Amino acid sequence: MTAAKSVIKGGGENSCLLSHSVTEERITWNTGEQSTVVYDVGIVPQPAGEAVVLVAGKVTSGRFTGRRVASPGVQLTADPLKCGSGGVKLIEGPSALVFS
């Protein structure tokens, strides 16, 4: 396993400083196997509209079920000034998963 693609969905309260939400990530690994991760801890400050992400959760189904996972990273928005004028709707960028 060296790569994956994922879809992340969640809901809750998010701002340009903090995030309080529940997030689920559905991962398809390059082997074809799948995992579902529910992130129950999230710190997502957004200085200057850019998201600095640290989330932690647990794999709830599929490959690695029962293991804890953290995903630190920096995701970018195409328009950081939106943070001060209505909000950032989309952030994107690479991330890493750290399993324990």
PDB file of N, CA and C in Angstrom:
ATOM      1  N   MET A   1       0.833  -1.171   0.000  1.00  0.00           N
ATOM      2  CA  MET A   1       0.000   0.000   0.000  1.00  0.00           C
ATOM      3  C   MET A   1       0.880   1.236   0.000  1.00  0.00           C
ATOM      4  N   THR A   2       0.763   2.003  -1.035  1.00  0.00           N
ATOM      5  CA  THR A   2       1.599   3.207  -1.120  1.00  0.00           C
ATOM      6  C   THR A   2       0.806   4.462  -1.429  1.00  0.00           C
ATOM      7  N   ALA A   3      -0.465   4.316  -1.793  1.00  0.00           N
ATOM      8  CA  ALA A   3      -1.267   5.484  -2.142  1.00  0.00           C
ATOM      9  C   ALA A   3      -2.744   5.160  -1.972  1.00  0.00           C
ATOM     10  N   ALA A   4      -3.557   6.212  -1.952  1.00  0.00           N
ATOM     11  CA  ALA A   4      -4.996   6.026  -1.819  1.00  0.00           C
ATOM     12  C   ALA A   4      -5.708   7.266  -2.339  1.00  0.00           C
ATOM     13  N   LYS A   5      -6.985   7.097  -2.592  1.00  0.00           N
ATOM     14  CA  LYS A   5      -7.868   8.221  -2.894  1.00  0.00           C
ATOM     15  C   LYS A   5      -8.974   8.177  -1.856  1.00  0.00           C
ATOM     16  N   SER A   6      -9.486   9.349  -1.490  1.00  0.00           N
ATOM     17  CA  SER A   6     -10.525   9.343  -0.475  1.00  0.00           C
ATOM     18  C   SER A   6     -11.557  10.421  -0.716  1.00  0.00           C
ATOM     19  N   VAL A   7     -12.706  10.219  -0.085  1.00  0.00           N
ATOM     20  CA  VAL A   7     -13.783  11.194  -0.064  1.00  0.00           C
ATOM     21  C   VAL A   7     -14.052  11.490   1.399  1.00  0.00           C
ATOM     22  N   ILE A   8     -14.065  12.773   1.747  1.00  0.00           N
ATOM     23  CA  ILE A   8     -14.269  13.182   3.128  1.00  0.00           C
ATOM     24  C   ILE A   8     -15.547  13.995   3.209  1.00  0.00           C
ATOM     25  N   LYS A   9     -16.410  13.612   4.159  1.00  0.00           N
ATOM     26  CA  LYS A   9     -17.659  14.343   4.374  1.00  0.00           C
ATOM     27  C   LYS A   9     -17.803  14.586   5.862  1.00  0.00           C
ATOM     28  N   GLY A  10     -18.406  15.698   6.195  1.00  0.00           N
ATOM     29  CA  GLY A  10     -18.607  15.990   7.598  1.00  0.00           C
ATOM     30  C   GLY A  10     -19.552  17.143   7.786  1.00  0.00           C
ATOM     31  N   GLY A  11     -19.828  17.425   9.040  1.00  0.00           N
ATOM     32  CA  GLY A  11     -20.702  18.528   9.360  1.00  0.00           C
ATOM     33  C   GLY A  11     -20.383  19.047  10.737  1.00  0.00           C
ATOM     34  N   GLY A  12     -20.740  20.261  10.968  1.00  0.00           N
ATOM     35  CA  GLY A  12     -20.486  20.863  12.257  1.00  0.00           C
ATOM     36  C   GLY A  12     -20.205  22.329  12.096  1.00  0.00           C
ATOM     37  N   GLU A  13     -19.586  22.892  13.104  1.00  0.00           N
ATOM     38  CA  GLU A  13     -19.270  24.310  13.116  1.00  0.00           C
ATOM     39  C   GLU A  13     -17.818  24.521  12.732  1.00  0.00           C
ATOM     40  N   ASN A  14     -17.593  25.300  11.709  1.00  0.00           N
ATOM     41  CA  ASN A  14     -16.235  25.595  11.262  1.00  0.00           C
ATOM     42  C   ASN A  14     -16.085  27.101  11.109  1.00  0.00           C
ATOM     43  N   SER A  15     -14.923  27.595  11.438  1.00  0.00           N
ATOM     44  CA  SER A  15     -14.654  29.017  11.255  1.00  0.00           C
ATOM     45  C   SER A  15     -13.234  29.173  10.747  1.00  0.00           C
ATOM     46  N   CYS A  16     -12.789  30.399  10.598  1.00  0.00           N
ATOM     47  CA  CYS A  16     -11.430  30.639  10.126  1.00  0.00           C
ATOM     48  C   CYS A  16     -10.399  30.420  11.230  1.00  0.00           C
ATOM     49  N   LEU A  17     -10.840  30.144  12.443  1.00  0.00           N
ATOM     50  CA  LEU A  17      -9.907  29.891  13.545  1.00  0.00           C
ATOM     51  C   LEU A  17      -9.955  28.463  14.048  1.00  0.00           C
ATOM     52  N   LEU A  18     -11.137  27.898  14.188  1.00  0.00           N
ATOM     53  CA  LEU A  18     -11.272  26.558  14.754  1.00  0.00           C
ATOM     54  C   LEU A  18     -12.334  25.759  14.014  1.00  0.00           C
ATOM     55  N   SER A  19     -12.316  24.460  14.251  1.00  0.00           N
ATOM     56  CA  SER A  19     -13.307  23.576  13.656  1.00  0.00           C
ATOM     57  C   SER A  19     -13.824  22.623  14.720  1.00  0.00           C
ATOM     58  N   HIS A  20     -15.123  22.486  14.796  1.00  0.00           N
ATOM     59  CA  HIS A  20     -15.757  21.519  15.685  1.00  0.00           C
ATOM     60  C   HIS A  20     -16.746  20.730  14.835  1.00  0.00           C
ATOM     61  N   SER A  21     -16.298  19.619  14.300  1.00  0.00           N
ATOM     62  CA  SER A  21     -17.166  18.857  13.415  1.00  0.00           C
ATOM     63  C   SER A  21     -16.849  17.372  13.528  1.00  0.00           C
ATOM     64  N   VAL A  22     -17.776  16.565  13.026  1.00  0.00           N
ATOM     65  CA  VAL A  22     -17.569  15.122  12.917  1.00  0.00           C
ATOM     66  C   VAL A  22     -17.333  14.833  11.442  1.00  0.00           C
ATOM     67  N   THR A  23     -16.269  14.107  11.156  1.00  0.00           N
ATOM     68  CA  THR A  23     -15.877  13.881   9.773  1.00  0.00           C
ATOM     69  C   THR A  23     -15.686  12.394   9.511  1.00  0.00           C
ATOM     70  N   GLU A  24     -16.124  11.952   8.352  1.00  0.00           N
ATOM     71  CA  GLU A  24     -15.935  10.562   7.931  1.00  0.00           C
ATOM     72  C   GLU A  24     -15.150  10.560   6.627  1.00  0.00           C
ATOM     73  N   GLU A  25     -14.140   9.717   6.570  1.00  0.00           N
ATOM     74  CA  GLU A  25     -13.334   9.580   5.356  1.00  0.00           C
ATOM     75  C   GLU A  25     -13.460   8.156   4.842  1.00  0.00           C
ATOM     76  N   ARG A  26     -13.816   8.031   3.576  1.00  0.00           N
ATOM     77  CA  ARG A  26     -13.871   6.718   2.921  1.00  0.00           C
ATOM     78  C   ARG A  26     -12.675   6.617   1.986  1.00  0.00           C
ATOM     79  N   ILE A  27     -11.814   5.671   2.284  1.00  0.00           N
ATOM     80  CA  ILE A  27     -10.535   5.551   1.592  1.00  0.00           C
ATOM     81  C   ILE A  27     -10.556   4.322   0.686  1.00  0.00           C
ATOM     82  N   THR A  28     -10.084   4.484  -0.543  1.00  0.00           N
ATOM     83  CA  THR A  28      -9.841   3.352  -1.432  1.00  0.00           C
ATOM     84  C   THR A  28      -8.345   3.298  -1.665  1.00  0.00           C
ATOM     85  N   TRP A  29      -7.719   2.242  -1.167  1.00  0.00           N
ATOM     86  CA  TRP A  29      -6.269   2.067  -1.270  1.00  0.00           C
ATOM     87  C   TRP A  29      -5.889   1.626  -2.672  1.00  0.00           C
ATOM     88  N   ASN A  30      -4.628   1.789  -3.023  1.00  0.00           N
ATOM     89  CA  ASN A  30      -4.168   1.409  -4.361  1.00  0.00           C
ATOM     90  C   ASN A  30      -4.261  -0.093  -4.605  1.00  0.00           C
ATOM     91  N   THR A  31      -4.531  -0.872  -3.559  1.00  0.00           N
ATOM     92  CA  THR A  31      -4.734  -2.321  -3.700  1.00  0.00           C
ATOM     93  C   THR A  31      -6.179  -2.675  -3.991  1.00  0.00           C
ATOM     94  N   GLY A  32      -7.082  -1.663  -3.934  1.00  0.00           N
ATOM     95  CA  GLY A  32      -8.504  -1.894  -4.125  1.00  0.00           C
ATOM     96  C   GLY A  32      -9.257  -2.074  -2.812  1.00  0.00           C
ATOM     97  N   GLU A  33      -8.525  -2.305  -1.726  1.00  0.00           N
ATOM     98  CA  GLU A  33      -9.160  -2.434  -0.415  1.00  0.00           C
ATOM     99  C   GLU A  33      -9.707  -1.076   0.023  1.00  0.00           C
ATOM    100  N   GLN A  34     -10.668  -1.104   0.945  1.00  0.00           N
ATOM    101  CA  GLN A  34     -11.262   0.137   1.425  1.00  0.00           C
ATOM    102  C   GLN A  34     -11.197   0.229   2.942  1.00  0.00           C
ATOM    103  N   SER A  35     -11.274   1.454   3.444  1.00  0.00           N
ATOM    104  CA  SER A  35     -11.338   1.736   4.880  1.00  0.00           C
ATOM    105  C   SER A  35     -12.286   2.903   5.084  1.00  0.00           C
ATOM    106  N   THR A  36     -12.967   2.899   6.230  1.00  0.00           N
ATOM    107  CA  THR A  36     -13.760   4.055   6.644  1.00  0.00           C
ATOM    108  C   THR A  36     -13.198   4.540   7.964  1.00  0.00           C
ATOM    109  N   VAL A  37     -12.877   5.828   8.023  1.00  0.00           N
ATOM    110  CA  VAL A  37     -12.329   6.442   9.231  1.00  0.00           C
ATOM    111  C   VAL A  37     -13.315   7.488   9.728  1.00  0.00           C
ATOM    112  N   VAL A  38     -13.619   7.456  11.027  1.00  0.00           N
ATOM    113  CA  VAL A  38     -14.418   8.497  11.651  1.00  0.00           C
ATOM    114  C   VAL A  38     -13.472   9.303  12.526  1.00  0.00           C
ATOM    115  N   TYR A  39     -13.345  10.595  12.194  1.00  0.00           N
ATOM    116  CA  TYR A  39     -12.476  11.492  12.947  1.00  0.00           C
ATOM    117  C   TYR A  39     -13.288  12.147  14.049  1.00  0.00           C
ATOM    118  N   ASP A  40     -12.904  11.890  15.309  1.00  0.00           N
ATOM    119  CA  ASP A  40     -13.625  12.444  16.444  1.00  0.00           C
ATOM    120  C   ASP A  40     -12.863  13.575  17.125  1.00  0.00           C
ATOM    121  N   VAL A  41     -11.643  13.823  16.693  1.00  0.00           N
ATOM    122  CA  VAL A  41     -10.844  14.937  17.202  1.00  0.00           C
ATOM    123  C   VAL A  41     -10.367  15.740  16.011  1.00  0.00           C
ATOM    124  N   GLY A  42     -10.598  17.039  16.040  1.00  0.00           N
ATOM    125  CA  GLY A  42     -10.154  17.856  14.924  1.00  0.00           C
ATOM    126  C   GLY A  42      -9.749  19.247  15.358  1.00  0.00           C
ATOM    127  N   ILE A  43      -8.575  19.637  14.937  1.00  0.00           N
ATOM    128  CA  ILE A  43      -8.095  20.995  15.144  1.00  0.00           C
ATOM    129  C   ILE A  43      -7.760  21.529  13.761  1.00  0.00           C
ATOM    130  N   VAL A  44      -8.498  22.543  13.316  1.00  0.00           N
ATOM    131  CA  VAL A  44      -8.325  23.052  11.960  1.00  0.00           C
ATOM    132  C   VAL A  44      -8.256  24.579  11.975  1.00  0.00           C
ATOM    133  N   PRO A  45      -7.209  25.153  12.555  1.00  0.00           N
ATOM    134  CA  PRO A  45      -7.093  26.608  12.467  1.00  0.00           C
ATOM    135  C   PRO A  45      -6.825  27.005  11.025  1.00  0.00           C
ATOM    136  N   GLN A  46      -7.294  28.185  10.641  1.00  0.00           N
ATOM    137  CA  GLN A  46      -7.152  28.627   9.259  1.00  0.00           C
ATOM    138  C   GLN A  46      -6.519  30.012   9.202  1.00  0.00           C
ATOM    139  N   PRO A  47      -5.249  30.123   9.569  1.00  0.00           N
ATOM    140  CA  PRO A  47      -4.598  31.427   9.493  1.00  0.00           C
ATOM    141  C   PRO A  47      -4.512  31.888   8.041  1.00  0.00           C
ATOM    142  N   ALA A  48      -4.889  33.118   7.795  1.00  0.00           N
ATOM    143  CA  ALA A  48      -4.867  33.704   6.442  1.00  0.00           C
ATOM    144  C   ALA A  48      -5.679  32.876   5.454  1.00  0.00           C
ATOM    145  N   GLY A  49      -6.673  32.120   5.961  1.00  0.00           N
ATOM    146  CA  GLY A  49      -7.545  31.344   5.083  1.00  0.00           C
ATOM    147  C   GLY A  49      -6.994  30.006   4.659  1.00  0.00           C
ATOM    148  N   GLU A  50      -5.786  29.668   5.077  1.00  0.00           N
ATOM    149  CA  GLU A  50      -5.203  28.374   4.720  1.00  0.00           C
ATOM    150  C   GLU A  50      -5.377  27.420   5.901  1.00  0.00           C
ATOM    151  N   ALA A  51      -5.833  26.225   5.650  1.00  0.00           N
ATOM    152  CA  ALA A  51      -6.154  25.284   6.718  1.00  0.00           C
ATOM    153  C   ALA A  51      -4.924  24.488   7.144  1.00  0.00           C
ATOM    154  N   VAL A  52      -4.645  24.520   8.429  1.00  0.00           N
ATOM    155  CA  VAL A  52      -3.605  23.685   9.029  1.00  0.00           C
ATOM    156  C   VAL A  52      -4.356  22.617   9.811  1.00  0.00           C
ATOM    157  N   VAL A  53      -4.323  21.397   9.315  1.00  0.00           N
ATOM    158  CA  VAL A  53      -5.219  20.354   9.790  1.00  0.00           C
ATOM    159  C   VAL A  53      -4.500  19.335  10.669  1.00  0.00           C
ATOM    160  N   LEU A  54      -5.107  19.019  11.800  1.00  0.00           N
ATOM    161  CA  LEU A  54      -4.691  17.876  12.605  1.00  0.00           C
ATOM    162  C   LEU A  54      -5.962  17.203  13.080  1.00  0.00           C
ATOM    163  N   VAL A  55      -6.245  16.055  12.512  1.00  0.00           N
ATOM    164  CA  VAL A  55      -7.423  15.292  12.918  1.00  0.00           C
ATOM    165  C   VAL A  55      -6.975  13.904  13.369  1.00  0.00           C
ATOM    166  N   ALA A  56      -7.753  13.328  14.278  1.00  0.00           N
ATOM    167  CA  ALA A  56      -7.469  11.982  14.768  1.00  0.00           C
ATOM    168  C   ALA A  56      -8.787  11.231  14.885  1.00  0.00           C
ATOM    169  N   GLY A  57      -8.734   9.957  14.629  1.00  0.00           N
ATOM    170  CA  GLY A  57      -9.948   9.157  14.700  1.00  0.00           C
ATOM    171  C   GLY A  57      -9.635   7.686  14.727  1.00  0.00           C
ATOM    172  N   LYS A  58     -10.629   6.908  14.306  1.00  0.00           N
ATOM    173  CA  LYS A  58     -10.510   5.453  14.362  1.00  0.00           C
ATOM    174  C   LYS A  58     -11.071   4.856  13.083  1.00  0.00           C
ATOM    175  N   VAL A  59     -10.411   3.807  12.595  1.00  0.00           N
ATOM    176  CA  VAL A  59     -10.905   3.081  11.433  1.00  0.00           C
ATOM    177  C   VAL A  59     -12.079   2.227  11.900  1.00  0.00           C
ATOM    178  N   THR A  60     -13.263   2.475  11.324  1.00  0.00           N
ATOM    179  CA  THR A  60     -14.469   1.788  11.782  1.00  0.00           C
ATOM    180  C   THR A  60     -14.870   0.609  10.910  1.00  0.00           C
ATOM    181  N   SER A  61     -14.331   0.541   9.677  1.00  0.00           N
ATOM    182  CA  SER A  61     -14.617  -0.624   8.836  1.00  0.00           C
ATOM    183  C   SER A  61     -13.550  -0.772   7.765  1.00  0.00           C
ATOM    184  N   GLY A  62     -13.454  -1.994   7.242  1.00  0.00           N
ATOM    185  CA  GLY A  62     -12.508  -2.280   6.166  1.00  0.00           C
ATOM    186  C   GLY A  62     -11.095  -2.512   6.676  1.00  0.00           C
ATOM    187  N   ARG A  63     -10.145  -2.298   5.785  1.00  0.00           N
ATOM    188  CA  ARG A  63      -8.727  -2.489   6.099  1.00  0.00           C
ATOM    189  C   ARG A  63      -8.338  -1.635   7.305  1.00  0.00           C
ATOM    190  N   PHE A  64      -7.616  -2.175   8.248  1.00  0.00           N
ATOM    191  CA  PHE A  64      -7.134  -1.511   9.463  1.00  0.00           C
ATOM    192  C   PHE A  64      -8.230  -1.250  10.498  1.00  0.00           C
ATOM    193  N   THR A  65      -9.376  -1.943  10.428  1.00  0.00           N
ATOM    194  CA  THR A  65     -10.460  -1.748  11.400  1.00  0.00           C
ATOM    195  C   THR A  65      -9.930  -1.807  12.828  1.00  0.00           C
ATOM    196  N   GLY A  66     -10.355  -0.827  13.632  1.00  0.00           N
ATOM    197  CA  GLY A  66      -9.996  -0.774  15.043  1.00  0.00           C
ATOM    198  C   GLY A  66      -8.751   0.033  15.347  1.00  0.00           C
ATOM    199  N   ARG A  67      -7.984   0.369  14.339  1.00  0.00           N
ATOM    200  CA  ARG A  67      -6.747   1.133  14.580  1.00  0.00           C
ATOM    201  C   ARG A  67      -7.037   2.616  14.647  1.00  0.00           C
ATOM    202  N   ARG A  68      -6.246   3.320  15.465  1.00  0.00           N
ATOM    203  CA  ARG A  68      -6.320   4.781  15.555  1.00  0.00           C
ATOM    204  C   ARG A  68      -5.531   5.369  14.389  1.00  0.00           C
ATOM    205  N   VAL A  69      -5.950   6.538  13.941  1.00  0.00           N
ATOM    206  CA  VAL A  69      -5.282   7.185  12.823  1.00  0.00           C
ATOM    207  C   VAL A  69      -5.269   8.697  13.042  1.00  0.00           C
ATOM    208  N   ALA A  70      -4.174   9.319  12.685  1.00  0.00           N
ATOM    209  CA  ALA A  70      -4.064  10.779  12.708  1.00  0.00           C
ATOM    210  C   ALA A  70      -3.683  11.233  11.313  1.00  0.00           C
ATOM    211  N   SER A  71      -4.117  12.446  10.973  1.00  0.00           N
ATOM    212  CA  SER A  71      -3.827  12.983   9.653  1.00  0.00           C
ATOM    213  C   SER A  71      -3.426  14.448   9.778  1.00  0.00           C
ATOM    214  N   PRO A  72      -2.133  14.703   9.922  1.00  0.00           N
ATOM    215  CA  PRO A  72      -1.675  16.094   9.956  1.00  0.00           C
ATOM    216  C   PRO A  72      -1.420  16.593   8.541  1.00  0.00           C
ATOM    217  N   GLY A  73      -1.617  17.879   8.303  1.00  0.00           N
ATOM    218  CA  GLY A  73      -1.315  18.400   6.971  1.00  0.00           C
ATOM    219  C   GLY A  73      -1.716  19.840   6.804  1.00  0.00           C
ATOM    220  N   VAL A  74      -1.391  20.383   5.662  1.00  0.00           N
ATOM    221  CA  VAL A  74      -1.780  21.734   5.288  1.00  0.00           C
ATOM    222  C   VAL A  74      -2.544  21.644   3.982  1.00  0.00           C
ATOM    223  N   GLN A  75      -3.778  22.090   3.988  1.00  0.00           N
ATOM    224  CA  GLN A  75      -4.570  22.133   2.768  1.00  0.00           C
ATOM    225  C   GLN A  75      -4.755  23.595   2.380  1.00  0.00           C
ATOM    226  N   LEU A  76      -4.759  23.834   1.096  1.00  0.00           N
ATOM    227  CA  LEU A  76      -4.810  25.207   0.596  1.00  0.00           C
ATOM    228  C   LEU A  76      -6.155  25.523  -0.031  1.00  0.00           C
ATOM    229  N   THR A  77      -6.525  26.780   0.034  1.00  0.00           N
ATOM    230  CA  THR A  77      -7.693  27.277  -0.669  1.00  0.00           C
ATOM    231  C   THR A  77      -7.215  28.195  -1.784  1.00  0.00           C
ATOM    232  N   ALA A  78      -7.970  28.231  -2.855  1.00  0.00           N
ATOM    233  CA  ALA A  78      -7.572  29.079  -3.982  1.00  0.00           C
ATOM    234  C   ALA A  78      -7.759  30.568  -3.681  1.00  0.00           C
ATOM    235  N   ASP A  79      -8.541  30.885  -2.653  1.00  0.00           N
ATOM    236  CA  ASP A  79      -8.831  32.283  -2.352  1.00  0.00           C
ATOM    237  C   ASP A  79      -8.827  32.523  -0.844  1.00  0.00           C
ATOM    238  N   PRO A  80      -7.638  32.696  -0.232  1.00  0.00           N
ATOM    239  CA  PRO A  80      -7.563  32.851   1.227  1.00  0.00           C
ATOM    240  C   PRO A  80      -8.272  34.087   1.762  1.00  0.00           C
ATOM    241  N   LEU A  81      -8.517  35.103   0.941  1.00  0.00           N
ATOM    242  CA  LEU A  81      -9.209  36.294   1.417  1.00  0.00           C
ATOM    243  C   LEU A  81     -10.674  36.027   1.741  1.00  0.00           C
ATOM    244  N   LYS A  82     -11.226  34.933   1.219  1.00  0.00           N
ATOM    245  CA  LYS A  82     -12.618  34.580   1.520  1.00  0.00           C
ATOM    246  C   LYS A  82     -12.820  34.284   2.993  1.00  0.00           C
ATOM    247  N   CYS A  83     -11.766  33.949   3.705  1.00  0.00           N
ATOM    248  CA  CYS A  83     -11.873  33.654   5.125  1.00  0.00           C
ATOM    249  C   CYS A  83     -12.482  34.836   5.874  1.00  0.00           C
ATOM    250  N   GLY A  84     -12.173  36.054   5.455  1.00  0.00           N
ATOM    251  CA  GLY A  84     -12.687  37.236   6.119  1.00  0.00           C
ATOM    252  C   GLY A  84     -13.937  37.812   5.494  1.00  0.00           C
ATOM    253  N   SER A  85     -14.430  37.170   4.425  1.00  0.00           N
ATOM    254  CA  SER A  85     -15.587  37.757   3.731  1.00  0.00           C
ATOM    255  C   SER A  85     -16.581  36.702   3.262  1.00  0.00           C
ATOM    256  N   GLY A  86     -17.055  35.890   4.176  1.00  0.00           N
ATOM    257  CA  GLY A  86     -18.095  34.936   3.804  1.00  0.00           C
ATOM    258  C   GLY A  86     -17.712  33.478   3.959  1.00  0.00           C
ATOM    259  N   GLY A  87     -16.440  33.183   4.024  1.00  0.00           N
ATOM    260  CA  GLY A  87     -16.039  31.815   4.305  1.00  0.00           C
ATOM    261  C   GLY A  87     -15.429  31.065   3.151  1.00  0.00           C
ATOM    262  N   VAL A  88     -14.613  30.110   3.498  1.00  0.00           N
ATOM    263  CA  VAL A  88     -13.950  29.229   2.543  1.00  0.00           C
ATOM    264  C   VAL A  88     -14.817  27.986   2.390  1.00  0.00           C
ATOM    265  N   LYS A  89     -15.196  27.655   1.170  1.00  0.00           N
ATOM    266  CA  LYS A  89     -16.084  26.519   0.916  1.00  0.00           C
ATOM    267  C   LYS A  89     -15.341  25.222   0.647  1.00  0.00           C
ATOM    268  N   LEU A  90     -14.088  25.316   0.159  1.00  0.00           N
ATOM    269  CA  LEU A  90     -13.356  24.125  -0.237  1.00  0.00           C
ATOM    270  C   LEU A  90     -11.887  24.290   0.102  1.00  0.00           C
ATOM    271  N   ILE A  91     -11.326  23.257   0.717  1.00  0.00           N
ATOM    272  CA  ILE A  91      -9.874  23.187   0.890  1.00  0.00           C
ATOM    273  C   ILE A  91      -9.422  21.882   0.270  1.00  0.00           C
ATOM    274  N   GLU A  92      -8.218  21.874  -0.268  1.00  0.00           N
ATOM    275  CA  GLU A  92      -7.725  20.641  -0.883  1.00  0.00           C
ATOM    276  C   GLU A  92      -6.226  20.580  -0.795  1.00  0.00           C
ATOM    277  N   GLY A  93      -5.710  19.379  -0.898  1.00  0.00           N
ATOM    278  CA  GLY A  93      -4.269  19.186  -0.857  1.00  0.00           C
ATOM    279  C   GLY A  93      -3.944  17.793  -0.358  1.00  0.00           C
ATOM    280  N   PRO A  94      -2.688  17.416  -0.481  1.00  0.00           N
ATOM    281  CA  PRO A  94      -2.284  16.070  -0.044  1.00  0.00           C
ATOM    282  C   PRO A  94      -2.297  15.970   1.470  1.00  0.00           C
ATOM    283  N   SER A  95      -2.444  14.754   1.958  1.00  0.00           N
ATOM    284  CA  SER A  95      -2.358  14.523   3.393  1.00  0.00           C
ATOM    285  C   SER A  95      -1.726  13.156   3.625  1.00  0.00           C
ATOM    286  N   ALA A  96      -1.289  12.950   4.832  1.00  0.00           N
ATOM    287  CA  ALA A  96      -0.701  11.673   5.222  1.00  0.00           C
ATOM    288  C   ALA A  96      -1.551  11.064   6.329  1.00  0.00           C
ATOM    289  N   LEU A  97      -1.587   9.759   6.391  1.00  0.00           N
ATOM    290  CA  LEU A  97      -2.268   9.062   7.474  1.00  0.00           C
ATOM    291  C   LEU A  97      -1.224   8.349   8.322  1.00  0.00           C
ATOM    292  N   VAL A  98      -1.322   8.521   9.633  1.00  0.00           N
ATOM    293  CA  VAL A  98      -0.388   7.884  10.558  1.00  0.00           C
ATOM    294  C   VAL A  98      -1.199   6.931  11.435  1.00  0.00           C
ATOM    295  N   PHE A  99      -0.961   5.632  11.303  1.00  0.00           N
ATOM    296  CA  PHE A  99      -1.716   4.620  12.047  1.00  0.00           C
ATOM    297  C   PHE A  99      -0.982   4.210  13.310  1.00  0.00           C
ATOM    298  N   SER A 100      -1.743   3.926  14.363  1.00  0.00           N
ATOM    299  CA  SER A 100      -1.140   3.381  15.587  1.00  0.00           C
ATOM    300  C   SER A 100      -1.950   2.203  16.081  1.00  0.00           C
TER     301      SER A 100
END
